[in-house]
Amino acid sequence: MTETRQYGFDTLQVHAGARPDPATGARQTPIYQSTGYVFRDADHAAALFNLQEVGFIYSRLTNPTVAVLQERIATLEGGVGAVCCSSGHAAQIMALFPLMQPGCNVVASTRLYGGTVTQFSQTIKRFGWSAKFVDFDDPAAIEAAIDDDTRAVFGEVVANPGGWIMDIDAVAKVADAAGLPLIVDNTTATPYLHRPIEHGATLVVHSTTKYLTGNGTVTGGCVVDSGKFDWTKSGKFPSLSEPEPAYHGMRFHETFGGLAFTFHGIAIGLRDLGMTMNPQAAHYTLLGIETLSLRMDRHVANAEKIAAWLEKHPAVEEVTYAGLPSSPYHERAKTVCPRGAGALFTFALKGGYDACVKFIDNVEIFSHVANLGDTRSLCIHSASTTHRQLSEAQQVAAGAAPNVVRVSIGIEDADDLIADLDQALAKVAPKMAAE
């Protein structure tokens, strides 16, 4: 591929980062199932360990298959580099790790996946970090929550579970005014529906487990570096701006410029935290990304049809899908996600908690699974599963109230999916059959 041409998304999702294997000519990226790599000589080894030369040392740090995936995701997101790791949760810690110190906090949206709420409200306390949760629909509240110890702002473009759309430009404006990096979880939108860096994000995180892989086979995560943040300006990010003892006083930002965060994520983050993505997982994700745009178009088309049907069902109290004209996020979605509002949303049942549980137990095509972004349609009652650890008030704030079911719409025939929903709802509320 020539460097001078601007390739389209569909081309990049197949080719970015990949080249025929130099040893065999294999066109598909091989699975380099190797822990270590032979150095040319002692000088070559020393240069690699001193970060004076880019190459492969040990697969906890770098692996050729994973490297292709990193380049592909970074290219699709419009970033300068990326670090892949073992899961989406690992990616969140990897994103925060170079930024935080004991006593520091992150300002986070109240509309986050329940596991992220727990990670930020409970687990990161063990590092001496904390999180402040605020409504990201209120930029003034974000601004008010930021203090001298804040080191990042964190939100989801299309929030899990409700599918709400974040006004990323407004949030980025607040973060930029405070001199803070904006970290955006783009898992549910994917770079096909939205590219956060173009709207002011500093870092983008993914659970590659979801739409990027798309087939429910492997877990993985990724942090994409925009390369646009000045880590030296405020003095708040010494891991990136000050001498690093492990590398003889080298300063990452001074040495690597726009790639400072990426190099730190590999040389320090993966080296010491060990949240490594295995090469087979990278291979499966590369295969998935090749059809990302095709799948997302189908996901969106199905979601729009099914959400409209659910909204009219007498047993359904509310549908949160931003692709519906009735959604308060509908107009925002047209700007933030012009190709569609994704395929993740919730609906509330008039029968409450018990009705949700009965519905879950009666679906046939939909799978009751704690995952999303699969080619298969999935559903879950968040209040009794993924958000069970939260208080009811937190569940409601996160969009996972006791009367709510989350659905991830797959790429099956939409009429078959509607028929499945219809028969399950009929068993929940037999007197409320769909018209």
Protein backbone atom coordinates (compact mmCIF):
# COMPACT_ATOMS: atom_id res chain seq x y z
CA MET A 1 0.00 0.00 0.00
CA THR A 2 1.39 3.39 -1.01
CA GLU A 3 1.93 5.92 1.77
CA THR A 4 0.65 8.84 -0.31
CA ARG A 5 -2.91 7.62 -0.87
CA GLN A 6 -5.68 8.12 1.70
CA TYR A 7 -7.38 4.74 1.81
CA GLY A 8 -11.00 4.18 2.77
CA PHE A 9 -12.13 2.44 5.95
CA ASP A 10 -13.09 -0.77 4.15
CA THR A 11 -9.60 -1.07 2.68
CA LEU A 12 -7.81 -0.23 5.91
CA GLN A 13 -9.79 -2.74 7.98
CA VAL A 14 -8.39 -5.49 5.72
CA HIS A 15 -4.87 -4.26 5.02
CA ALA A 16 -3.63 -1.81 7.68
CA GLY A 17 -0.57 -3.09 9.53
CA ALA A 18 -0.35 -6.33 7.52
CA ARG A 19 2.23 -7.36 4.97
CA PRO A 20 2.98 -10.73 3.38
CA ASP A 21 5.10 -12.84 5.70
CA PRO A 22 8.74 -12.25 4.63
CA ALA A 23 9.79 -15.83 5.33
CA THR A 24 6.98 -17.73 3.60
CA GLY A 25 4.96 -15.20 1.59
CA ALA A 26 1.85 -16.10 3.60
CA ARG A 27 -0.81 -13.48 2.83
CA GLN A 28 -2.72 -13.81 6.09
CA THR A 29 -0.90 -12.62 9.20
CA PRO A 30 0.58 -15.72 10.88
CA ILE A 31 0.12 -16.57 14.53
CA TYR A 32 3.64 -16.04 15.87
CA GLN A 33 3.29 -18.45 18.78
CA SER A 34 6.69 -17.68 20.27
CA THR A 35 7.74 -16.34 23.64
CA GLY A 36 11.18 -15.09 22.58
CA TYR A 37 13.07 -13.82 19.53
CA VAL A 38 16.70 -14.35 18.53
CA PHE A 39 18.82 -11.20 18.54
CA ARG A 40 21.19 -10.54 15.66
CA ASP A 41 24.04 -9.93 18.07
CA ALA A 42 24.79 -8.39 21.48
CA ASP A 43 24.58 -4.83 20.16
CA HIS A 44 21.16 -5.50 18.67
CA ALA A 45 19.90 -6.87 21.98
CA ALA A 46 21.28 -3.88 23.90
CA ALA A 47 19.64 -1.42 21.48
CA LEU A 48 16.27 -3.11 21.89
CA PHE A 49 16.44 -3.10 25.67
CA ASN A 50 17.55 0.56 25.66
CA LEU A 51 14.53 1.47 23.45
CA GLN A 52 16.99 2.73 20.82
CA GLU A 53 15.59 0.33 18.23
CA VAL A 54 12.09 -1.06 17.68
CA GLY A 55 11.80 -4.83 17.47
CA PHE A 56 10.81 -8.00 19.28
CA ILE A 57 12.30 -9.09 22.59
CA TYR A 58 9.81 -11.19 24.53
CA SER A 59 6.08 -11.68 23.92
CA ARG A 60 5.03 -10.13 27.19
CA LEU A 61 6.16 -6.87 25.56
CA THR A 62 5.90 -7.27 21.81
CA ASN A 63 4.77 -9.95 19.39
CA PRO A 64 4.55 -9.75 15.57
CA THR A 65 0.90 -10.84 15.40
CA VAL A 66 -0.13 -8.43 18.14
CA ALA A 67 1.92 -5.67 16.49
CA VAL A 68 -0.15 -5.95 13.31
CA LEU A 69 -3.35 -5.66 15.34
CA GLN A 70 -2.01 -2.62 17.20
CA GLU A 71 -1.20 -0.86 13.94
CA ARG A 72 -4.55 -1.74 12.41
CA ILE A 73 -6.63 -0.44 15.31
CA ALA A 74 -4.50 2.70 15.61
CA THR A 75 -4.95 3.35 11.89
CA LEU A 76 -8.72 2.87 12.01
CA GLU A 77 -8.98 5.19 15.02
CA GLY A 78 -6.66 7.84 13.54
CA GLY A 79 -4.08 7.44 16.31
CA VAL A 80 -0.29 7.32 16.16
CA GLY A 81 0.08 4.04 18.03
CA ALA A 82 -1.71 1.48 20.18
CA VAL A 83 -1.03 -1.03 22.93
CA CYS A 84 -3.04 -4.26 22.96
CA CYS A 85 -3.59 -6.16 26.18
CA SER A 86 -5.54 -9.02 27.71
CA SER A 87 -9.01 -7.49 28.15
CA GLY A 88 -11.01 -4.29 28.09
CA HIS A 89 -10.61 -3.94 31.85
CA ALA A 90 -6.86 -4.31 31.42
CA ALA A 91 -6.96 -1.55 28.80
CA GLN A 92 -8.59 0.81 31.29
CA ILE A 93 -5.86 0.22 33.86
CA MET A 94 -3.21 0.50 31.14
CA ALA A 95 -4.68 3.86 30.10
CA LEU A 96 -4.64 5.23 33.65
CA PHE A 97 -1.34 3.72 34.79
CA PRO A 98 1.07 6.30 33.29
CA LEU A 99 -1.15 9.18 34.39
CA MET A 100 -2.00 8.44 38.01
CA GLN A 101 -0.14 8.62 41.30
CA PRO A 102 -1.41 7.81 44.82
CA GLY A 103 -3.90 10.49 45.79
CA CYS A 104 -4.93 11.25 42.20
CA ASN A 105 -8.44 10.91 40.80
CA VAL A 106 -10.26 10.44 37.51
CA VAL A 107 -13.55 12.17 36.71
CA ALA A 108 -15.82 9.55 35.14
CA SER A 109 -19.27 9.40 33.65
CA THR A 110 -22.08 7.86 35.68
CA ARG A 111 -23.12 6.05 32.50
CA LEU A 112 -20.50 3.33 32.35
CA TYR A 113 -20.53 -0.45 32.20
CA GLY A 114 -21.18 -1.83 35.70
CA GLY A 115 -17.82 -3.60 35.84
CA THR A 116 -16.08 -0.32 35.05
CA VAL A 117 -18.02 1.43 37.81
CA THR A 118 -16.81 -1.23 40.23
CA GLN A 119 -13.24 -1.06 38.95
CA PHE A 120 -13.19 2.72 39.34
CA SER A 121 -15.15 2.98 42.60
CA GLN A 122 -13.56 0.05 44.42
CA THR A 123 -10.55 -1.66 42.86
CA ILE A 124 -8.44 1.36 41.92
CA LYS A 125 -8.54 2.46 45.56
CA ARG A 126 -5.91 -0.23 46.16
CA PHE A 127 -3.54 1.84 44.01
CA GLY A 128 -4.37 4.95 46.02
CA TRP A 129 -6.46 6.31 43.13
CA SER A 130 -10.09 7.40 43.23
CA ALA A 131 -12.92 8.31 40.86
CA LYS A 132 -15.58 11.00 40.87
CA PHE A 133 -18.74 10.06 39.00
CA VAL A 134 -20.75 12.83 37.38
CA ASP A 135 -23.44 13.22 34.72
CA PHE A 136 -21.56 13.84 31.46
CA ASP A 137 -24.65 15.48 29.97
CA ASP A 138 -23.76 18.39 32.27
CA PRO A 139 -20.38 19.90 31.27
CA ALA A 140 -20.55 22.27 34.24
CA ALA A 141 -20.72 19.28 36.59
CA ILE A 142 -17.61 17.80 34.96
CA GLU A 143 -15.79 21.10 35.34
CA ALA A 144 -16.85 21.37 39.00
CA ALA A 145 -15.62 17.85 39.77
CA ILE A 146 -12.12 18.51 38.44
CA ASP A 147 -9.58 19.49 41.08
CA ASP A 148 -5.80 19.76 41.42
CA ASP A 149 -5.51 15.99 41.84
CA THR A 150 -7.53 15.07 38.75
CA ARG A 151 -5.45 13.40 36.07
CA ALA A 152 -8.01 12.28 33.48
CA VAL A 153 -11.61 12.47 32.30
CA PHE A 154 -13.23 9.16 31.27
CA GLY A 155 -16.44 8.39 29.37
CA GLU A 156 -18.09 6.07 26.84
CA VAL A 157 -19.21 7.29 23.41
CA VAL A 158 -22.16 4.89 23.26
CA ALA A 159 -22.73 4.00 26.87
CA ASN A 160 -23.27 0.43 28.04
CA PRO A 161 -25.97 -0.64 28.78
CA GLY A 162 -28.40 2.05 27.65
CA GLY A 163 -26.80 3.10 24.38
CA TRP A 164 -26.81 6.79 25.36
CA ILE A 165 -24.64 9.07 23.24
CA MET A 166 -21.98 11.24 24.87
CA ASP A 167 -21.47 14.78 23.61
CA ILE A 168 -17.79 14.13 23.19
CA ASP A 169 -16.99 17.58 21.78
CA ALA A 170 -18.44 19.28 24.86
CA VAL A 171 -16.64 16.93 27.25
CA ALA A 172 -13.36 17.33 25.34
CA LYS A 173 -13.67 21.11 25.64
CA VAL A 174 -13.89 20.85 29.44
CA ALA A 175 -10.96 18.42 29.65
CA ASP A 176 -8.83 20.56 27.34
CA ALA A 177 -9.54 23.72 29.34
CA ALA A 178 -8.35 21.88 32.46
CA GLY A 179 -5.21 20.58 30.72
CA LEU A 180 -6.33 16.98 31.18
CA PRO A 181 -6.40 13.99 28.81
CA LEU A 182 -9.83 12.72 27.78
CA ILE A 183 -10.03 8.92 27.73
CA VAL A 184 -12.91 7.57 25.66
CA ASP A 185 -14.22 4.01 25.61
CA ASN A 186 -15.21 3.40 21.99
CA THR A 187 -16.07 -0.29 22.36
CA THR A 188 -19.76 -0.10 21.50
CA ALA A 189 -19.40 2.42 18.66
CA THR A 190 -16.17 1.12 17.07
CA PRO A 191 -14.11 3.39 14.80
CA TYR A 192 -16.57 2.65 11.99
CA LEU A 193 -19.40 4.53 13.72
CA HIS A 194 -17.30 7.11 15.58
CA ARG A 195 -13.65 8.24 15.80
CA PRO A 196 -13.17 9.95 19.19
CA ILE A 197 -9.72 11.40 18.40
CA GLU A 198 -11.28 13.58 15.71
CA HIS A 199 -13.52 15.03 18.43
CA GLY A 200 -10.84 15.76 21.00
CA ALA A 201 -10.07 12.47 22.74
CA THR A 202 -6.50 11.93 23.93
CA LEU A 203 -6.73 8.16 24.39
CA VAL A 204 -9.24 5.63 23.11
CA VAL A 205 -9.83 2.30 24.85
CA HIS A 206 -11.52 -0.80 23.49
CA SER A 207 -12.64 -4.13 24.69
CA THR A 208 -11.59 -5.87 21.50
CA THR A 209 -13.60 -8.82 22.81
CA LYS A 210 -16.71 -7.12 21.50
CA TYR A 211 -17.42 -5.73 17.99
CA LEU A 212 -13.82 -5.63 16.79
CA THR A 213 -13.50 -9.41 17.12
CA GLY A 214 -17.23 -9.88 16.69
CA ASN A 215 -17.47 -13.63 17.11
CA GLY A 216 -17.34 -14.24 20.86
CA THR A 217 -14.13 -16.26 20.79
CA VAL A 218 -11.40 -14.34 22.63
CA THR A 219 -10.95 -11.54 25.15
CA GLY A 220 -8.71 -8.57 24.53
CA GLY A 221 -8.24 -4.85 25.02
CA CYS A 222 -6.52 -1.94 23.35
CA VAL A 223 -5.42 1.60 24.18
CA VAL A 224 -5.00 3.95 21.20
CA ASP A 225 -2.76 7.00 21.54
CA SER A 226 -3.77 10.16 19.68
CA GLY A 227 -0.21 11.51 19.93
CA LYS A 228 -1.65 15.01 20.40
CA PHE A 229 -1.31 15.62 24.15
CA ASP A 230 1.61 17.56 25.63
CA TRP A 231 2.56 15.45 28.65
CA THR A 232 5.19 17.98 29.80
CA LYS A 233 3.06 21.14 29.89
CA SER A 234 1.50 20.92 33.36
CA GLY A 235 4.01 18.84 35.31
CA LYS A 236 1.17 16.51 36.33
CA PHE A 237 2.40 13.48 34.39
CA PRO A 238 5.93 12.74 35.63
CA SER A 239 5.88 9.15 34.33
CA LEU A 240 5.91 10.60 30.83
CA SER A 241 7.72 13.89 31.34
CA GLU A 242 10.36 13.20 34.00
CA PRO A 243 13.43 10.93 34.02
CA GLU A 244 12.59 7.23 34.12
CA PRO A 245 14.97 5.37 36.51
CA ALA A 246 14.47 2.03 34.74
CA TYR A 247 15.88 3.53 31.53
CA HIS A 248 18.82 5.51 32.89
CA GLY A 249 16.87 8.75 33.27
CA MET A 250 15.35 8.82 29.81
CA ARG A 251 12.29 11.09 29.47
CA PHE A 252 9.58 9.42 27.42
CA HIS A 253 7.97 12.56 26.01
CA GLU A 254 11.29 14.20 25.23
CA THR A 255 12.56 11.04 23.52
CA PHE A 256 9.46 9.76 21.71
CA GLY A 257 7.32 12.88 21.28
CA GLY A 258 3.82 12.00 20.12
CA LEU A 259 4.51 8.29 20.69
CA ALA A 260 5.47 8.76 24.35
CA PHE A 261 2.34 7.15 25.75
CA THR A 262 2.55 4.19 23.37
CA PHE A 263 6.18 3.44 24.18
CA HIS A 264 5.52 3.82 27.91
CA GLY A 265 2.57 1.43 27.66
CA ILE A 266 4.81 -1.26 26.19
CA ALA A 267 8.12 -0.61 27.92
CA ILE A 268 6.68 0.01 31.39
CA GLY A 269 3.01 -1.01 31.37
CA LEU A 270 3.26 -4.41 29.72
CA ARG A 271 6.69 -5.06 31.18
CA ASP A 272 5.53 -4.59 34.78
CA LEU A 273 1.78 -5.23 34.77
CA GLY A 274 2.01 -8.15 32.34
CA MET A 275 -1.51 -7.70 30.91
CA THR A 276 -0.40 -9.24 27.64
CA MET A 277 -2.61 -10.17 24.68
CA ASN A 278 -1.77 -13.61 23.35
CA PRO A 279 -1.02 -13.96 19.62
CA GLN A 280 -3.93 -16.29 18.92
CA ALA A 281 -6.36 -13.74 20.36
CA ALA A 282 -4.77 -11.08 18.17
CA HIS A 283 -5.20 -13.34 15.13
CA TYR A 284 -8.91 -13.88 15.78
CA THR A 285 -9.41 -10.15 16.27
CA LEU A 286 -7.60 -9.35 13.02
CA LEU A 287 -9.94 -11.75 11.22
CA GLY A 288 -12.92 -10.07 12.84
CA ILE A 289 -11.87 -6.54 11.93
CA GLU A 290 -11.71 -7.50 8.25
CA THR A 291 -15.54 -7.50 8.18
CA LEU A 292 -16.17 -4.77 10.78
CA SER A 293 -17.92 -2.26 8.51
CA LEU A 294 -20.11 -4.95 6.92
CA ARG A 295 -21.17 -6.28 10.31
CA MET A 296 -21.78 -2.86 11.86
CA ASP A 297 -24.08 -1.84 9.00
CA ARG A 298 -26.15 -4.98 9.61
CA HIS A 299 -26.04 -4.58 13.41
CA VAL A 300 -27.37 -1.03 13.07
CA ALA A 301 -30.07 -1.87 10.52
CA ASN A 302 -31.36 -4.72 12.71
CA ALA A 303 -31.24 -2.59 15.86
CA GLU A 304 -33.24 0.21 14.26
CA LYS A 305 -35.98 -2.19 13.12
CA ILE A 306 -36.16 -4.13 16.38
CA ALA A 307 -36.10 -1.05 18.64
CA ALA A 308 -38.98 0.47 16.67
CA TRP A 309 -40.96 -2.76 17.06
CA LEU A 310 -40.25 -3.00 20.80
CA GLU A 311 -41.29 0.59 21.37
CA LYS A 312 -44.81 -0.27 20.17
CA HIS A 313 -45.16 -3.44 22.24
CA PRO A 314 -47.73 -3.06 25.05
CA ALA A 315 -45.54 -4.93 27.55
CA VAL A 316 -42.65 -2.51 27.02
CA GLU A 317 -42.50 0.66 29.07
CA GLU A 318 -39.49 2.30 27.41
CA VAL A 319 -36.75 1.70 24.84
CA THR A 320 -33.46 3.62 25.18
CA TYR A 321 -32.12 3.25 21.65
CA ALA A 322 -30.70 6.56 20.40
CA GLY A 323 -31.64 5.62 16.84
CA LEU A 324 -35.31 6.14 17.68
CA PRO A 325 -36.81 9.61 17.03
CA SER A 326 -38.30 9.46 20.54
CA SER A 327 -34.87 9.24 22.18
CA PRO A 328 -33.52 12.42 23.81
CA TYR A 329 -30.17 11.47 22.24
CA HIS A 330 -31.52 11.07 18.71
CA GLU A 331 -30.32 14.42 17.35
CA ARG A 332 -26.93 14.05 19.04
CA ALA A 333 -26.56 10.58 17.57
CA LYS A 334 -26.93 12.01 14.07
CA THR A 335 -23.80 14.11 14.66
CA VAL A 336 -21.72 11.79 16.85
CA CYS A 337 -22.58 8.56 15.03
CA PRO A 338 -23.87 9.49 11.57
CA ARG A 339 -23.67 5.88 10.36
CA GLY A 340 -25.97 4.73 13.13
CA ALA A 341 -26.35 4.65 16.90
CA GLY A 342 -24.90 1.19 17.34
CA ALA A 343 -26.74 -1.99 18.28
CA LEU A 344 -26.73 -1.93 22.08
CA PHE A 345 -29.71 -0.66 24.04
CA THR A 346 -32.13 -1.49 26.82
CA PHE A 347 -35.86 -1.79 27.21
CA ALA A 348 -37.93 -1.63 30.38
CA LEU A 349 -40.77 -4.08 31.04
CA LYS A 350 -43.94 -2.99 32.78
CA GLY A 351 -43.85 -6.16 34.87
CA GLY A 352 -40.61 -5.12 36.61
CA TYR A 353 -37.82 -7.39 37.87
CA ASP A 354 -39.82 -10.63 37.75
CA ALA A 355 -40.98 -9.98 34.19
CA CYS A 356 -37.39 -9.41 33.08
CA VAL A 357 -36.23 -12.69 34.59
CA LYS A 358 -39.10 -14.57 32.96
CA PHE A 359 -38.38 -12.95 29.61
CA ILE A 360 -34.71 -13.96 29.81
CA ASP A 361 -35.69 -17.55 30.57
CA ASN A 362 -37.93 -17.77 27.49
CA VAL A 363 -35.85 -16.39 24.61
CA GLU A 364 -34.71 -18.92 22.02
CA ILE A 365 -32.57 -17.22 19.36
CA PHE A 366 -31.26 -14.56 21.73
CA SER A 367 -28.57 -15.95 24.00
CA HIS A 368 -28.45 -15.09 27.70
CA VAL A 369 -24.81 -14.06 27.77
CA ALA A 370 -22.67 -11.54 29.70
CA ASN A 371 -21.15 -10.14 26.54
CA LEU A 372 -22.02 -7.80 23.69
CA GLY A 373 -20.91 -7.09 20.15
CA ASP A 374 -21.27 -10.67 18.93
CA THR A 375 -22.67 -11.63 15.53
CA ARG A 376 -25.29 -13.46 17.61
CA SER A 377 -28.02 -11.50 19.37
CA LEU A 378 -27.51 -11.45 23.11
CA CYS A 379 -29.55 -10.35 26.10
CA ILE A 380 -29.05 -10.00 29.83
CA HIS A 381 -30.84 -8.70 32.89
CA SER A 382 -28.13 -6.38 34.15
CA ALA A 383 -29.57 -5.78 37.63
CA SER A 384 -29.23 -9.47 38.52
CA THR A 385 -25.90 -10.03 36.75
CA THR A 386 -23.39 -7.48 35.42
CA HIS A 387 -24.66 -4.66 37.68
CA ARG A 388 -25.65 -6.87 40.63
CA GLN A 389 -22.82 -5.50 42.78
CA LEU A 390 -24.23 -1.96 42.57
CA SER A 391 -26.89 -0.40 44.77
CA GLU A 392 -30.31 0.11 43.19
CA ALA A 393 -29.61 3.84 42.97
CA GLN A 394 -26.36 3.12 41.13
CA GLN A 395 -28.16 0.65 38.87
CA VAL A 396 -30.72 3.26 37.93
CA ALA A 397 -28.00 5.88 37.33
CA ALA A 398 -26.14 3.42 35.10
CA GLY A 399 -29.29 2.57 33.12
CA ALA A 400 -29.54 -0.92 34.58
CA ALA A 401 -32.64 -0.56 36.75
CA PRO A 402 -34.35 -3.75 38.01
CA ASN A 403 -37.03 -3.54 35.28
CA VAL A 404 -34.52 -3.24 32.41
CA VAL A 405 -33.20 -5.82 29.92
CA ARG A 406 -30.10 -5.11 27.84
CA VAL A 407 -29.92 -6.40 24.29
CA SER A 408 -27.02 -6.58 21.86
CA ILE A 409 -28.56 -7.00 18.42
CA GLY A 410 -26.71 -9.37 16.12
CA ILE A 411 -26.66 -9.87 12.38
CA GLU A 412 -29.33 -12.57 12.06
CA ASP A 413 -32.56 -12.04 10.11
CA ALA A 414 -34.36 -9.18 11.87
CA ASP A 415 -37.80 -10.77 11.44
CA ASP A 416 -36.60 -13.93 13.15
CA LEU A 417 -35.30 -11.89 16.06
CA ILE A 418 -38.59 -10.01 16.36
CA ALA A 419 -40.49 -13.31 16.37
CA ASP A 420 -38.28 -14.56 19.20
CA LEU A 421 -38.83 -11.39 21.24
CA ASP A 422 -42.56 -11.62 20.57
CA GLN A 423 -42.94 -15.17 21.82
CA ALA A 424 -40.87 -14.47 24.95
CA LEU A 425 -42.84 -11.32 25.75
CA ALA A 426 -46.10 -13.22 25.22
CA LYS A 427 -45.07 -15.61 27.99
CA VAL A 428 -44.22 -12.69 30.27
CA ALA A 429 -47.45 -10.80 29.62
CA PRO A 430 -49.90 -13.05 27.78
CA LYS A 431 -52.63 -10.39 27.90
CA MET A 432 -50.36 -7.86 26.21
CA ALA A 433 -49.70 -9.47 22.84
CA ALA A 434 -48.07 -7.28 20.24
CA GLU A 435 -50.51 -5.72 17.78
